[in-house]
Amino acid sequence: MARADALESQTGFIGTYKTTAKWTVKDAEGKERVESASGTFIGPASAETLVSYYQSLKADEQSAFLEAWFYGADLKKKGGLRPAVSAESPWVSRDGVKINLSTGDRIDKEGVAMKLLPIEKCIGAVNAGFDDANMLEQQPKAAFVVARKMLLEAKKAIEKDGRLVVRK
């Protein structure tokens, strides 16, 4: 379901949400710049109104809604499980367990998904990675930098006094 902070307006149990896609392009000189486009979509205004919203849809709209939900859930899970290029990955490894610091996904030594790590612990680990780097007068490891960026972009965390805290 869409994030509550993306809700632009609400009429009864129907919410209108704003979303923005961002991407990086290179110009003729090879300089990178970020471009974006925004759009809106409708859906249930909250988790509490999900059933009412769904029941208000016609049969073909219900099928489309479920298809979109499954597509989004599948894509989100695959994105969290698929390690990216090391320079762009929020994954770290500890005692043979792979941990995605932006989602809390964990995979054991045999490749089996484990219980999610709470987002508070992910944020604490990212802060600790930056603290360690600072104490050693080095740059933080790429996974901590990427996870920090992803947590902020996903609005799971905010920055307060130079540290990440859970967004409430």
C-alpha atoms as a PDB file:
ATOM      1  CA  MET A   1       0.000   0.000   0.000  1.00  0.00           C
ATOM      2  CA  ALA A   2       1.148   3.561  -0.582  1.00  0.00           C
ATOM      3  CA  ARG A   3       2.883   5.448   2.177  1.00  0.00           C
ATOM      4  CA  ALA A   4       0.648   7.651   4.292  1.00  0.00           C
ATOM      5  CA  ASP A   5       2.983  10.601   3.729  1.00  0.00           C
ATOM      6  CA  ALA A   6       2.310  10.413  -0.024  1.00  0.00           C
ATOM      7  CA  LEU A   7      -1.436  10.918   0.503  1.00  0.00           C
ATOM      8  CA  GLU A   8      -2.401  14.173  -1.200  1.00  0.00           C
ATOM      9  CA  SER A   9      -6.155  14.098  -0.627  1.00  0.00           C
ATOM     10  CA  GLN A  10      -8.886  11.854   0.678  1.00  0.00           C
ATOM     11  CA  THR A  11     -12.570  11.484  -0.185  1.00  0.00           C
ATOM     12  CA  GLY A  12     -14.176   8.936   2.093  1.00  0.00           C
ATOM     13  CA  PHE A  13     -12.090   5.787   1.888  1.00  0.00           C
ATOM     14  CA  ILE A  14     -10.426   6.743  -1.416  1.00  0.00           C
ATOM     15  CA  GLY A  15      -7.036   8.405  -1.291  1.00  0.00           C
ATOM     16  CA  THR A  16      -5.131  10.202  -4.032  1.00  0.00           C
ATOM     17  CA  TYR A  17      -1.381   9.622  -3.762  1.00  0.00           C
ATOM     18  CA  LYS A  18       1.541  11.425  -5.332  1.00  0.00           C
ATOM     19  CA  THR A  19       4.596   9.533  -6.497  1.00  0.00           C
ATOM     20  CA  THR A  20       7.860  10.679  -8.052  1.00  0.00           C
ATOM     21  CA  ALA A  21      10.248   8.658 -10.184  1.00  0.00           C
ATOM     22  CA  LYS A  22      13.903   9.756 -10.182  1.00  0.00           C
ATOM     23  CA  TRP A  23      16.728   8.678 -12.422  1.00  0.00           C
ATOM     24  CA  THR A  24      20.246   9.715 -13.302  1.00  0.00           C
ATOM     25  CA  VAL A  25      21.263  10.754 -16.835  1.00  0.00           C
ATOM     26  CA  LYS A  26      24.569  11.827 -18.294  1.00  0.00           C
ATOM     27  CA  ASP A  27      24.818  14.875 -20.506  1.00  0.00           C
ATOM     28  CA  ALA A  28      27.105  15.217 -23.542  1.00  0.00           C
ATOM     29  CA  GLU A  29      30.075  16.116 -21.287  1.00  0.00           C
ATOM     30  CA  GLY A  30      29.522  13.032 -19.127  1.00  0.00           C
ATOM     31  CA  LYS A  31      28.197  14.972 -16.138  1.00  0.00           C
ATOM     32  CA  GLU A  32      25.433  13.241 -14.219  1.00  0.00           C
ATOM     33  CA  ARG A  33      22.219  14.947 -13.280  1.00  0.00           C
ATOM     34  CA  VAL A  34      19.020  13.746 -11.659  1.00  0.00           C
ATOM     35  CA  GLU A  35      15.764  13.994 -13.558  1.00  0.00           C
ATOM     36  CA  SER A  36      12.310  13.221 -12.263  1.00  0.00           C
ATOM     37  CA  ALA A  37       8.647  12.993 -13.156  1.00  0.00           C
ATOM     38  CA  SER A  38       5.649  12.999 -10.831  1.00  0.00           C
ATOM     39  CA  GLY A  39       2.203  11.496 -11.094  1.00  0.00           C
ATOM     40  CA  THR A  40      -0.776  10.516  -8.990  1.00  0.00           C
ATOM     41  CA  PHE A  41      -2.802   7.368  -8.435  1.00  0.00           C
ATOM     42  CA  ILE A  42      -5.783   6.383  -6.307  1.00  0.00           C
ATOM     43  CA  GLY A  43      -6.149   3.653  -3.726  1.00  0.00           C
ATOM     44  CA  PRO A  44      -7.428   3.041  -0.228  1.00  0.00           C
ATOM     45  CA  ALA A  45      -6.924   6.094   1.969  1.00  0.00           C
ATOM     46  CA  SER A  46      -5.535   3.996   4.829  1.00  0.00           C
ATOM     47  CA  ALA A  47      -5.064   0.448   6.014  1.00  0.00           C
ATOM     48  CA  GLU A  48      -8.335   0.764   7.891  1.00  0.00           C
ATOM     49  CA  THR A  49     -10.269   1.568   4.693  1.00  0.00           C
ATOM     50  CA  LEU A  50      -8.697  -1.136   2.531  1.00  0.00           C
ATOM     51  CA  VAL A  51     -11.677  -3.517   2.716  1.00  0.00           C
ATOM     52  CA  SER A  52     -14.230  -0.758   2.008  1.00  0.00           C
ATOM     53  CA  TYR A  53     -12.167   0.468  -0.942  1.00  0.00           C
ATOM     54  CA  TYR A  54     -11.788  -3.034  -2.382  1.00  0.00           C
ATOM     55  CA  GLN A  55     -15.491  -3.831  -1.979  1.00  0.00           C
ATOM     56  CA  SER A  56     -16.407  -0.622  -3.841  1.00  0.00           C
ATOM     57  CA  LEU A  57     -14.566  -1.804  -6.956  1.00  0.00           C
ATOM     58  CA  LYS A  58     -16.163  -3.674  -9.853  1.00  0.00           C
ATOM     59  CA  ALA A  59     -14.939  -7.240 -10.467  1.00  0.00           C
ATOM     60  CA  ASP A  60     -12.477  -6.228 -13.211  1.00  0.00           C
ATOM     61  CA  GLU A  61     -11.194  -3.359 -11.041  1.00  0.00           C
ATOM     62  CA  GLN A  62     -10.717  -5.773  -8.133  1.00  0.00           C
ATOM     63  CA  SER A  63      -8.643  -8.037 -10.392  1.00  0.00           C
ATOM     64  CA  ALA A  64      -6.535  -5.082 -11.549  1.00  0.00           C
ATOM     65  CA  PHE A  65      -6.088  -3.928  -7.939  1.00  0.00           C
ATOM     66  CA  LEU A  66      -4.902  -7.373  -6.826  1.00  0.00           C
ATOM     67  CA  GLU A  67      -2.621  -7.693  -9.844  1.00  0.00           C
ATOM     68  CA  ALA A  68      -1.037  -4.317  -9.040  1.00  0.00           C
ATOM     69  CA  TRP A  69      -0.674  -5.273  -5.378  1.00  0.00           C
ATOM     70  CA  PHE A  70       1.002  -8.603  -6.194  1.00  0.00           C
ATOM     71  CA  TYR A  71       3.265  -6.903  -8.743  1.00  0.00           C
ATOM     72  CA  GLY A  72       4.342  -4.272  -6.211  1.00  0.00           C
ATOM     73  CA  ALA A  73       4.841  -6.752  -3.379  1.00  0.00           C
ATOM     74  CA  ASP A  74       6.846  -9.081  -5.631  1.00  0.00           C
ATOM     75  CA  LEU A  75       8.981  -6.253  -6.992  1.00  0.00           C
ATOM     76  CA  LYS A  76       9.664  -4.857  -3.518  1.00  0.00           C
ATOM     77  CA  LYS A  77      10.699  -8.257  -2.179  1.00  0.00           C
ATOM     78  CA  LYS A  78      12.930  -9.042  -5.168  1.00  0.00           C
ATOM     79  CA  GLY A  79      14.561  -5.628  -4.892  1.00  0.00           C
ATOM     80  CA  GLY A  80      15.357  -6.261  -1.268  1.00  0.00           C
ATOM     81  CA  LEU A  81      16.725  -9.759  -1.854  1.00  0.00           C
ATOM     82  CA  ARG A  82      18.768  -9.096  -4.975  1.00  0.00           C
ATOM     83  CA  PRO A  83      22.253  -7.884  -4.120  1.00  0.00           C
ATOM     84  CA  ALA A  84      23.160  -4.934  -6.303  1.00  0.00           C
ATOM     85  CA  VAL A  85      26.601  -3.982  -7.506  1.00  0.00           C
ATOM     86  CA  SER A  86      28.744  -3.806  -4.391  1.00  0.00           C
ATOM     87  CA  ALA A  87      29.162  -0.032  -4.619  1.00  0.00           C
ATOM     88  CA  GLU A  88      25.379   0.367  -4.694  1.00  0.00           C
ATOM     89  CA  SER A  89      24.346  -2.305  -2.217  1.00  0.00           C
ATOM     90  CA  PRO A  90      22.901  -1.893   1.296  1.00  0.00           C
ATOM     91  CA  TRP A  91      23.857  -5.497   2.102  1.00  0.00           C
ATOM     92  CA  VAL A  92      26.430  -6.408   4.755  1.00  0.00           C
ATOM     93  CA  SER A  93      27.507  -9.805   5.975  1.00  0.00           C
ATOM     94  CA  ARG A  94      27.998 -10.801   9.603  1.00  0.00           C
ATOM     95  CA  ASP A  95      28.819 -14.331  10.747  1.00  0.00           C
ATOM     96  CA  GLY A  96      27.747 -15.620   7.326  1.00  0.00           C
ATOM     97  CA  VAL A  97      24.329 -13.946   7.508  1.00  0.00           C
ATOM     98  CA  LYS A  98      23.586 -11.397   4.767  1.00  0.00           C
ATOM     99  CA  ILE A  99      21.669  -8.346   6.034  1.00  0.00           C
ATOM    100  CA  ASN A 100      19.995  -5.633   3.980  1.00  0.00           C
ATOM    101  CA  LEU A 101      20.371  -2.541   6.182  1.00  0.00           C
ATOM    102  CA  SER A 102      17.655  -0.634   4.311  1.00  0.00           C
ATOM    103  CA  THR A 103      14.889  -3.253   4.621  1.00  0.00           C
ATOM    104  CA  GLY A 104      15.920  -5.599   7.437  1.00  0.00           C
ATOM    105  CA  ASP A 105      15.880  -8.636   5.122  1.00  0.00           C
ATOM    106  CA  ARG A 106      18.273 -11.346   6.301  1.00  0.00           C
ATOM    107  CA  ILE A 107      19.518 -14.476   4.546  1.00  0.00           C
ATOM    108  CA  ASP A 108      21.315 -17.264   6.389  1.00  0.00           C
ATOM    109  CA  LYS A 109      24.375 -19.232   5.222  1.00  0.00           C
ATOM    110  CA  GLU A 110      22.171 -21.677   3.291  1.00  0.00           C
ATOM    111  CA  GLY A 111      20.367 -18.880   1.418  1.00  0.00           C
ATOM    112  CA  VAL A 112      17.158 -19.162   3.451  1.00  0.00           C
ATOM    113  CA  ALA A 113      15.299 -15.987   4.397  1.00  0.00           C
ATOM    114  CA  MET A 114      15.295 -15.272   8.116  1.00  0.00           C
ATOM    115  CA  LYS A 115      13.096 -13.126  10.349  1.00  0.00           C
ATOM    116  CA  LEU A 116      13.271  -9.441   9.384  1.00  0.00           C
ATOM    117  CA  LEU A 117      15.596  -7.275  11.417  1.00  0.00           C
ATOM    118  CA  PRO A 118      13.548  -4.423  12.953  1.00  0.00           C
ATOM    119  CA  ILE A 119      14.056  -1.085  11.186  1.00  0.00           C
ATOM    120  CA  GLU A 120      15.278   0.420  14.484  1.00  0.00           C
ATOM    121  CA  LYS A 121      18.180  -2.040  14.470  1.00  0.00           C
ATOM    122  CA  CYS A 122      18.943  -1.312  10.805  1.00  0.00           C
ATOM    123  CA  ILE A 123      19.097   2.396  11.563  1.00  0.00           C
ATOM    124  CA  GLY A 124      21.278   1.732  14.623  1.00  0.00           C
ATOM    125  CA  ALA A 125      23.663  -0.352  12.510  1.00  0.00           C
ATOM    126  CA  VAL A 126      23.928   2.401   9.896  1.00  0.00           C
ATOM    127  CA  ASN A 127      24.656   4.966  12.611  1.00  0.00           C
ATOM    128  CA  ALA A 128      27.271   2.615  14.116  1.00  0.00           C
ATOM    129  CA  GLY A 129      28.922   2.196  10.696  1.00  0.00           C
ATOM    130  CA  PHE A 130      29.240   5.962  10.366  1.00  0.00           C
ATOM    131  CA  ASP A 131      30.462   6.278  13.979  1.00  0.00           C
ATOM    132  CA  ASP A 132      33.174   3.651  13.432  1.00  0.00           C
ATOM    133  CA  ALA A 133      34.377   5.346  10.268  1.00  0.00           C
ATOM    134  CA  ASN A 134      34.454   8.709  12.021  1.00  0.00           C
ATOM    135  CA  MET A 135      36.455   7.329  14.954  1.00  0.00           C
ATOM    136  CA  LEU A 136      38.954   5.732  12.579  1.00  0.00           C
ATOM    137  CA  GLU A 137      39.079   8.906  10.440  1.00  0.00           C
ATOM    138  CA  GLN A 138      37.985   6.985   7.359  1.00  0.00           C
ATOM    139  CA  GLN A 139      35.067   6.986   4.959  1.00  0.00           C
ATOM    140  CA  PRO A 140      32.143   4.739   5.918  1.00  0.00           C
ATOM    141  CA  LYS A 141      31.784   1.492   3.987  1.00  0.00           C
ATOM    142  CA  ALA A 142      29.627   1.780   0.871  1.00  0.00           C
ATOM    143  CA  ALA A 143      26.828  -0.430   2.279  1.00  0.00           C
ATOM    144  CA  PHE A 144      26.265   2.019   5.143  1.00  0.00           C
ATOM    145  CA  VAL A 145      26.219   5.015   2.794  1.00  0.00           C
ATOM    146  CA  VAL A 146      23.784   3.287   0.416  1.00  0.00           C
ATOM    147  CA  ALA A 147      21.543   2.052   3.257  1.00  0.00           C
ATOM    148  CA  ARG A 148      21.457   5.550   4.782  1.00  0.00           C
ATOM    149  CA  LYS A 149      20.399   7.046   1.451  1.00  0.00           C
ATOM    150  CA  MET A 150      17.751   4.361   0.916  1.00  0.00           C
ATOM    151  CA  LEU A 151      16.312   4.738   4.437  1.00  0.00           C
ATOM    152  CA  LEU A 152      15.987   8.502   3.944  1.00  0.00           C
ATOM    153  CA  GLU A 153      14.498   8.181   0.434  1.00  0.00           C
ATOM    154  CA  ALA A 154      12.007   5.546   1.616  1.00  0.00           C
ATOM    155  CA  LYS A 155      11.087   7.908   4.461  1.00  0.00           C
ATOM    156  CA  LYS A 156      11.741   5.189   7.033  1.00  0.00           C
ATOM    157  CA  ALA A 157      14.215   7.496   8.781  1.00  0.00           C
ATOM    158  CA  ILE A 158      14.968  11.174   9.203  1.00  0.00           C
ATOM    159  CA  GLU A 159      18.209  12.884  10.077  1.00  0.00           C
ATOM    160  CA  LYS A 160      18.412  14.541  13.483  1.00  0.00           C
ATOM    161  CA  ASP A 161      21.638  16.049  14.812  1.00  0.00           C
ATOM    162  CA  GLY A 162      23.664  14.204  12.175  1.00  0.00           C
ATOM    163  CA  ARG A 163      22.194  10.776  13.012  1.00  0.00           C
ATOM    164  CA  LEU A 164      19.357   8.761  11.583  1.00  0.00           C
ATOM    165  CA  VAL A 165      16.252   8.234  13.692  1.00  0.00           C
ATOM    166  CA  VAL A 166      13.076   6.307  12.933  1.00  0.00           C
ATOM    167  CA  ARG A 167      10.513   8.434  11.163  1.00  0.00           C
ATOM    168  CA  LYS A 168       7.320   8.578  13.223  1.00  0.00           C
END
